[in-house]
PDB file of all heavy atoms in Angstrom:
ATOM      1  N   ASN A   1      -9.136  -0.717 -12.400  1.00  0.00           N
ATOM      2  CA  ASN A   1      -9.572  -1.356 -13.684  1.00  0.00           C
ATOM      3  C   ASN A   1      -8.308  -1.789 -14.521  1.00  0.00           C
ATOM      4  O   ASN A   1      -7.292  -1.252 -14.287  1.00  0.00           O
ATOM      5  CB  ASN A   1     -10.320  -0.338 -14.491  1.00  0.00           C
ATOM      6  CG  ASN A   1     -11.759   0.085 -13.774  1.00  0.00           C
ATOM      7  OD1 ASN A   1     -12.351  -0.760 -13.183  1.00  0.00           O
ATOM      8  ND2 ASN A   1     -12.044   1.339 -13.753  1.00  0.00           N
ATOM      9  N   LYS A   2      -8.564  -2.574 -15.454  1.00  0.00           N
ATOM     10  CA  LYS A   2      -7.397  -3.101 -16.345  1.00  0.00           C
ATOM     11  C   LYS A   2      -6.943  -1.975 -17.125  1.00  0.00           C
ATOM     12  O   LYS A   2      -7.706  -1.138 -17.752  1.00  0.00           O
ATOM     13  CB  LYS A   2      -7.980  -4.236 -17.287  1.00  0.00           C
ATOM     14  CG  LYS A   2      -6.914  -4.828 -18.108  1.00  0.00           C
ATOM     15  CD  LYS A   2      -7.454  -6.041 -18.838  1.00  0.00           C
ATOM     16  CE  LYS A   2      -6.508  -6.558 -19.780  1.00  0.00           C
ATOM     17  NZ  LYS A   2      -5.125  -7.013 -19.088  1.00  0.00           N
ATOM     18  N   GLY A   3      -5.589  -1.773 -17.094  1.00  0.00           N
ATOM     19  CA  GLY A   3      -4.874  -0.772 -17.876  1.00  0.00           C
ATOM     20  C   GLY A   3      -5.006   0.594 -17.135  1.00  0.00           C
ATOM     21  O   GLY A   3      -4.460   1.585 -17.696  1.00  0.00           O
ATOM     22  N   GLU A   4      -5.408   0.658 -16.012  1.00  0.00           N
ATOM     23  CA  GLU A   4      -5.635   2.048 -15.358  1.00  0.00           C
ATOM     24  C   GLU A   4      -4.320   2.396 -14.492  1.00  0.00           C
ATOM     25  O   GLU A   4      -3.730   1.502 -14.028  1.00  0.00           O
ATOM     26  CB  GLU A   4      -6.808   1.984 -14.388  1.00  0.00           C
ATOM     27  CG  GLU A   4      -7.007   3.351 -13.654  1.00  0.00           C
ATOM     28  CD  GLU A   4      -8.228   3.340 -12.658  1.00  0.00           C
ATOM     29  OE1 GLU A   4      -8.576   2.124 -12.244  1.00  0.00           O
ATOM     30  OE2 GLU A   4      -8.689   4.362 -12.319  1.00  0.00           O
ATOM     31  N   THR A   5      -4.020   3.589 -14.404  1.00  0.00           N
ATOM     32  CA  THR A   5      -3.001   4.088 -13.438  1.00  0.00           C
ATOM     33  C   THR A   5      -3.659   4.802 -12.438  1.00  0.00           C
ATOM     34  O   THR A   5      -4.244   5.912 -12.499  1.00  0.00           O
ATOM     35  CB  THR A   5      -1.925   4.947 -14.242  1.00  0.00           C
ATOM     36  OG1 THR A   5      -1.428   4.215 -15.282  1.00  0.00           O
ATOM     37  CG2 THR A   5      -0.850   5.337 -13.196  1.00  0.00           C
ATOM     38  N   LEU A   6      -3.545   4.295 -11.097  1.00  0.00           N
ATOM     39  CA  LEU A   6      -4.164   4.877  -9.962  1.00  0.00           C
ATOM     40  C   LEU A   6      -3.147   5.456  -9.152  1.00  0.00           C
ATOM     41  O   LEU A   6      -2.182   4.702  -8.764  1.00  0.00           O
ATOM     42  CB  LEU A   6      -5.026   3.875  -9.133  1.00  0.00           C
ATOM     43  CG  LEU A   6      -5.630   4.192  -7.805  1.00  0.00           C
ATOM     44  CD1 LEU A   6      -6.678   5.317  -7.945  1.00  0.00           C
ATOM     45  CD2 LEU A   6      -6.137   3.028  -7.103  1.00  0.00           C
ATOM     46  N   GLY A   7      -3.197   6.712  -8.644  1.00  0.00           N
ATOM     47  CA  GLY A   7      -2.251   7.281  -7.696  1.00  0.00           C
ATOM     48  C   GLY A   7      -2.842   7.225  -6.234  1.00  0.00           C
ATOM     49  O   GLY A   7      -3.953   7.508  -6.063  1.00  0.00           O
ATOM     50  N   VAL A   8      -1.824   7.006  -5.305  1.00  0.00           N
ATOM     51  CA  VAL A   8      -2.166   7.045  -3.914  1.00  0.00           C
ATOM     52  C   VAL A   8      -1.257   8.019  -3.225  1.00  0.00           C
ATOM     53  O   VAL A   8       0.075   7.768  -3.305  1.00  0.00           O
ATOM     54  CB  VAL A   8      -2.089   5.627  -3.180  1.00  0.00           C
ATOM     55  CG1 VAL A   8      -2.506   5.879  -1.689  1.00  0.00           C
ATOM     56  CG2 VAL A   8      -3.101   4.724  -3.838  1.00  0.00           C
ATOM     57  N   VAL A   9      -1.571   9.121  -2.778  1.00  0.00           N
ATOM     58  CA  VAL A   9      -0.782  10.210  -2.356  1.00  0.00           C
ATOM     59  C   VAL A   9      -1.052  10.543  -0.861  1.00  0.00           C
ATOM     60  O   VAL A   9      -2.168  10.494  -0.373  1.00  0.00           O
ATOM     61  CB  VAL A   9      -0.859  11.450  -3.323  1.00  0.00           C
ATOM     62  CG1 VAL A   9      -2.307  12.037  -3.192  1.00  0.00           C
ATOM     63  CG2 VAL A   9       0.259  12.435  -2.942  1.00  0.00           C
ATOM     64  N   GLY A  10      -0.033  10.954  -0.180  1.00  0.00           N
ATOM     65  CA  GLY A  10      -0.041  11.453   1.187  1.00  0.00           C
ATOM     66  C   GLY A  10       1.200  11.659   1.878  1.00  0.00           C
ATOM     67  O   GLY A  10       2.250  11.123   1.345  1.00  0.00           O
ATOM     68  N   GLU A  11       1.287  12.224   2.937  1.00  0.00           N
ATOM     69  CA  GLU A  11       2.487  12.426   3.768  1.00  0.00           C
ATOM     70  C   GLU A  11       3.151  11.026   4.195  1.00  0.00           C
ATOM     71  O   GLU A  11       2.508  10.099   4.300  1.00  0.00           O
ATOM     72  CB  GLU A  11       2.240  13.228   5.001  1.00  0.00           C
ATOM     73  CG  GLU A  11       1.840  14.668   4.785  1.00  0.00           C
ATOM     74  CD  GLU A  11       1.385  15.370   5.987  1.00  0.00           C
ATOM     75  OE1 GLU A  11       0.263  15.109   6.517  1.00  0.00           O
ATOM     76  OE2 GLU A  11       2.114  16.039   6.643  1.00  0.00           O
ATOM     77  N   SER A  12       4.450  11.180   4.629  1.00  0.00           N
ATOM     78  CA  SER A  12       5.038  10.028   5.168  1.00  0.00           C
ATOM     79  C   SER A  12       4.399   9.719   6.460  1.00  0.00           C
ATOM     80  O   SER A  12       3.919  10.571   7.242  1.00  0.00           O
ATOM     81  CB  SER A  12       6.540  10.302   5.548  1.00  0.00           C
ATOM     82  OG  SER A  12       7.288  10.565   4.332  1.00  0.00           O
ATOM     83  N   GLY A  13       4.107   8.352   6.762  1.00  0.00           N
ATOM     84  CA  GLY A  13       3.345   7.968   7.845  1.00  0.00           C
ATOM     85  C   GLY A  13       1.908   7.831   7.753  1.00  0.00           C
ATOM     86  O   GLY A  13       1.206   7.489   8.820  1.00  0.00           O
ATOM     87  N   CYS A  14       1.386   8.094   6.584  1.00  0.00           N
ATOM     88  CA  CYS A  14      -0.053   8.049   6.488  1.00  0.00           C
ATOM     89  C   CYS A  14      -0.597   6.679   6.084  1.00  0.00           C
ATOM     90  O   CYS A  14      -1.892   6.465   6.129  1.00  0.00           O
ATOM     91  CB  CYS A  14      -0.588   9.024   5.309  1.00  0.00           C
ATOM     92  SG  CYS A  14      -0.216   8.538   3.616  1.00  0.00           S
ATOM     93  N   GLY A  15       0.274   5.724   5.914  1.00  0.00           N
ATOM     94  CA  GLY A  15      -0.219   4.309   5.639  1.00  0.00           C
ATOM     95  C   GLY A  15      -0.095   3.845   4.237  1.00  0.00           C
ATOM     96  O   GLY A  15      -0.537   2.763   3.979  1.00  0.00           O
ATOM     97  N   LYS A  16       0.488   4.641   3.371  1.00  0.00           N
ATOM     98  CA  LYS A  16       0.467   4.283   1.930  1.00  0.00           C
ATOM     99  C   LYS A  16       1.299   2.930   1.665  1.00  0.00           C
ATOM    100  O   LYS A  16       0.731   2.069   0.929  1.00  0.00           O
ATOM    101  CB  LYS A  16       1.110   5.330   1.027  1.00  0.00           C
ATOM    102  CG  LYS A  16       0.590   6.738   1.264  1.00  0.00           C
ATOM    103  CD  LYS A  16       1.281   7.818   0.317  1.00  0.00           C
ATOM    104  CE  LYS A  16       2.683   7.841   0.382  1.00  0.00           C
ATOM    105  NZ  LYS A  16       3.143   8.459   1.782  1.00  0.00           N
ATOM    106  N   THR A  17       2.494   2.932   2.279  1.00  0.00           N
ATOM    107  CA  THR A  17       3.264   1.719   2.064  1.00  0.00           C
ATOM    108  C   THR A  17       2.702   0.491   2.674  1.00  0.00           C
ATOM    109  O   THR A  17       2.721  -0.594   2.123  1.00  0.00           O
ATOM    110  CB  THR A  17       4.709   1.956   2.556  1.00  0.00           C
ATOM    111  OG1 THR A  17       5.323   2.947   1.741  1.00  0.00           O
ATOM    112  CG2 THR A  17       5.533   0.680   2.380  1.00  0.00           C
ATOM    113  N   MET A  18       2.133   0.646   3.861  1.00  0.00           N
ATOM    114  CA  MET A  18       1.473  -0.473   4.511  1.00  0.00           C
ATOM    115  C   MET A  18       0.274  -1.002   3.748  1.00  0.00           C
ATOM    116  O   MET A  18       0.036  -2.246   3.686  1.00  0.00           O
ATOM    117  CB  MET A  18       1.025  -0.084   5.871  1.00  0.00           C
ATOM    118  CG  MET A  18       2.164   0.133   6.907  1.00  0.00           C
ATOM    119  SD  MET A  18       3.267  -1.374   7.112  1.00  0.00           S
ATOM    120  CE  MET A  18       4.704  -0.772   6.275  1.00  0.00           C
ATOM    121  N   MET A  19      -0.437  -0.074   3.098  1.00  0.00           N
ATOM    122  CA  MET A  19      -1.577  -0.509   2.222  1.00  0.00           C
ATOM    123  C   MET A  19      -1.000  -1.311   1.069  1.00  0.00           C
ATOM    124  O   MET A  19      -1.556  -2.455   0.730  1.00  0.00           O
ATOM    125  CB  MET A  19      -2.294   0.623   1.654  1.00  0.00           C
ATOM    126  CG  MET A  19      -3.545   0.270   0.862  1.00  0.00           C
ATOM    127  SD  MET A  19      -3.949   1.551  -0.292  1.00  0.00           S
ATOM    128  CE  MET A  19      -2.677   1.409  -1.506  1.00  0.00           C
ATOM    129  N   ALA A  20       0.047  -0.829   0.313  1.00  0.00           N
ATOM    130  CA  ALA A  20       0.698  -1.572  -0.775  1.00  0.00           C
ATOM    131  C   ALA A  20       1.191  -2.902  -0.273  1.00  0.00           C
ATOM    132  O   ALA A  20       1.028  -3.948  -1.087  1.00  0.00           O
ATOM    133  CB  ALA A  20       1.856  -0.692  -1.247  1.00  0.00           C
ATOM    134  N   LEU A  21       1.883  -2.979   0.739  1.00  0.00           N
ATOM    135  CA  LEU A  21       2.373  -4.317   1.313  1.00  0.00           C
ATOM    136  C   LEU A  21       1.200  -5.219   1.690  1.00  0.00           C
ATOM    137  O   LEU A  21       1.421  -6.471   1.560  1.00  0.00           O
ATOM    138  CB  LEU A  21       3.305  -4.103   2.463  1.00  0.00           C
ATOM    139  CG  LEU A  21       4.642  -3.318   2.242  1.00  0.00           C
ATOM    140  CD1 LEU A  21       5.389  -3.022   3.513  1.00  0.00           C
ATOM    141  CD2 LEU A  21       5.536  -4.268   1.339  1.00  0.00           C
ATOM    142  N   SER A  22       0.253  -4.678   2.107  1.00  0.00           N
ATOM    143  CA  SER A  22      -1.026  -5.491   2.516  1.00  0.00           C
ATOM    144  C   SER A  22      -1.600  -6.111   1.147  1.00  0.00           C
ATOM    145  O   SER A  22      -2.005  -7.304   1.238  1.00  0.00           O
ATOM    146  CB  SER A  22      -2.100  -4.647   3.191  1.00  0.00           C
ATOM    147  OG  SER A  22      -1.719  -4.143   4.472  1.00  0.00           O
ATOM    148  N   LEU A  23      -1.605  -5.416   0.158  1.00  0.00           N
ATOM    149  CA  LEU A  23      -2.109  -5.956  -1.208  1.00  0.00           C
ATOM    150  C   LEU A  23      -1.279  -7.219  -1.599  1.00  0.00           C
ATOM    151  O   LEU A  23      -1.773  -8.187  -2.267  1.00  0.00           O
ATOM    152  CB  LEU A  23      -2.165  -4.981  -2.180  1.00  0.00           C
ATOM    153  CG  LEU A  23      -3.013  -3.692  -1.971  1.00  0.00           C
ATOM    154  CD1 LEU A  23      -2.954  -2.705  -3.155  1.00  0.00           C
ATOM    155  CD2 LEU A  23      -4.498  -4.082  -1.793  1.00  0.00           C
ATOM    156  N   MET A  24       0.009  -7.108  -1.294  1.00  0.00           N
ATOM    157  CA  MET A  24       0.938  -8.173  -1.664  1.00  0.00           C
ATOM    158  C   MET A  24       1.000  -9.246  -0.628  1.00  0.00           C
ATOM    159  O   MET A  24       1.690 -10.274  -0.855  1.00  0.00           O
ATOM    160  CB  MET A  24       2.300  -7.544  -1.896  1.00  0.00           C
ATOM    161  CG  MET A  24       2.456  -6.557  -3.006  1.00  0.00           C
ATOM    162  SD  MET A  24       2.237  -7.314  -4.614  1.00  0.00           S
ATOM    163  CE  MET A  24       3.744  -8.185  -4.826  1.00  0.00           C
ATOM    164  N   ARG A  25       0.345  -8.982   0.493  1.00  0.00           N
ATOM    165  CA  ARG A  25       0.350 -10.004   1.700  1.00  0.00           C
ATOM    166  C   ARG A  25       1.965 -10.047   2.164  1.00  0.00           C
ATOM    167  O   ARG A  25       2.430 -11.195   2.386  1.00  0.00           O
ATOM    168  CB  ARG A  25      -0.164 -11.234   1.436  1.00  0.00           C
ATOM    169  CG  ARG A  25      -1.742 -11.091   1.458  1.00  0.00           C
ATOM    170  CD  ARG A  25      -2.359 -12.543   1.357  1.00  0.00           C
ATOM    171  NE  ARG A  25      -1.980 -13.511   2.178  1.00  0.00           N
ATOM    172  CZ  ARG A  25      -2.340 -14.786   2.240  1.00  0.00           C
ATOM    173  NH1 ARG A  25      -3.319 -15.173   1.332  1.00  0.00           N
ATOM    174  NH2 ARG A  25      -1.971 -15.625   3.208  1.00  0.00           N
ATOM    175  N   LEU A  26       2.523  -9.007   2.317  1.00  0.00           N
ATOM    176  CA  LEU A  26       3.860  -8.931   2.722  1.00  0.00           C
ATOM    177  C   LEU A  26       4.081  -8.202   4.104  1.00  0.00           C
ATOM    178  O   LEU A  26       5.248  -7.812   4.578  1.00  0.00           O
ATOM    179  CB  LEU A  26       4.860  -8.269   1.733  1.00  0.00           C
ATOM    180  CG  LEU A  26       5.097  -8.970   0.398  1.00  0.00           C
ATOM    181  CD1 LEU A  26       5.892  -8.145  -0.543  1.00  0.00           C
ATOM    182  CD2 LEU A  26       5.815 -10.385   0.654  1.00  0.00           C
ATOM    183  N   ILE A  27       3.036  -8.118   4.846  1.00  0.00           N
ATOM    184  CA  ILE A  27       3.056  -7.471   6.143  1.00  0.00           C
ATOM    185  C   ILE A  27       3.783  -8.390   7.088  1.00  0.00           C
ATOM    186  O   ILE A  27       3.494  -9.627   7.264  1.00  0.00           O
ATOM    187  CB  ILE A  27       1.634  -7.313   6.802  1.00  0.00           C
ATOM    188  CG1 ILE A  27       0.869  -6.163   5.765  1.00  0.00           C
ATOM    189  CG2 ILE A  27       1.664  -6.725   8.244  1.00  0.00           C
ATOM    190  CD1 ILE A  27       1.516  -4.789   5.887  1.00  0.00           C
ATOM    191  N   PRO A  28       4.877  -7.899   7.822  1.00  0.00           N
ATOM    192  CA  PRO A  28       5.597  -8.792   8.754  1.00  0.00           C
ATOM    193  C   PRO A  28       4.682  -9.152   9.978  1.00  0.00           C
ATOM    194  O   PRO A  28       4.109  -8.342  10.663  1.00  0.00           O
ATOM    195  CB  PRO A  28       6.796  -7.871   9.243  1.00  0.00           C
ATOM    196  CG  PRO A  28       6.291  -6.396   8.926  1.00  0.00           C
ATOM    197  CD  PRO A  28       5.387  -6.465   7.801  1.00  0.00           C
ATOM    198  N   ASP A  29       4.564 -10.510  10.111  1.00  0.00           N
ATOM    199  CA  ASP A  29       3.689 -11.040  11.252  1.00  0.00           C
ATOM    200  C   ASP A  29       4.437 -12.008  12.090  1.00  0.00           C
ATOM    201  O   ASP A  29       4.864 -13.047  11.692  1.00  0.00           O
ATOM    202  CB  ASP A  29       2.527 -11.788  10.544  1.00  0.00           C
ATOM    203  CG  ASP A  29       1.485 -12.273  11.529  1.00  0.00           C
ATOM    204  OD1 ASP A  29       1.681 -11.998  12.708  1.00  0.00           O
ATOM    205  OD2 ASP A  29       0.626 -12.930  11.061  1.00  0.00           O
ATOM    206  N   PRO A  30       4.673 -11.627  13.452  1.00  0.00           N
ATOM    207  CA  PRO A  30       4.341 -10.345  14.169  1.00  0.00           C
ATOM    208  C   PRO A  30       5.323  -9.300  13.743  1.00  0.00           C
ATOM    209  O   PRO A  30       6.376  -9.558  13.092  1.00  0.00           O
ATOM    210  CB  PRO A  30       4.427 -10.750  15.593  1.00  0.00           C
ATOM    211  CG  PRO A  30       5.484 -11.824  15.526  1.00  0.00           C
ATOM    212  CD  PRO A  30       5.369 -12.562  14.338  1.00  0.00           C
ATOM    213  N   PRO A  31       4.946  -8.033  14.045  1.00  0.00           N
ATOM    214  CA  PRO A  31       3.891  -7.479  14.884  1.00  0.00           C
ATOM    215  C   PRO A  31       2.621  -7.128  14.017  1.00  0.00           C
ATOM    216  O   PRO A  31       1.568  -6.870  14.574  1.00  0.00           O
ATOM    217  CB  PRO A  31       4.435  -6.312  15.592  1.00  0.00           C
ATOM    218  CG  PRO A  31       5.347  -5.696  14.522  1.00  0.00           C
ATOM    219  CD  PRO A  31       5.921  -6.867  13.756  1.00  0.00           C
TER     220      PRO A  31
END
């Protein structure tokens, strides 16, 4: 929502950064 602060938490390797990069469409293609 507008003005909201949402946390995404988990261990290293759980996919957090890949999810963030996906939102920005910055996934290296390939692979």
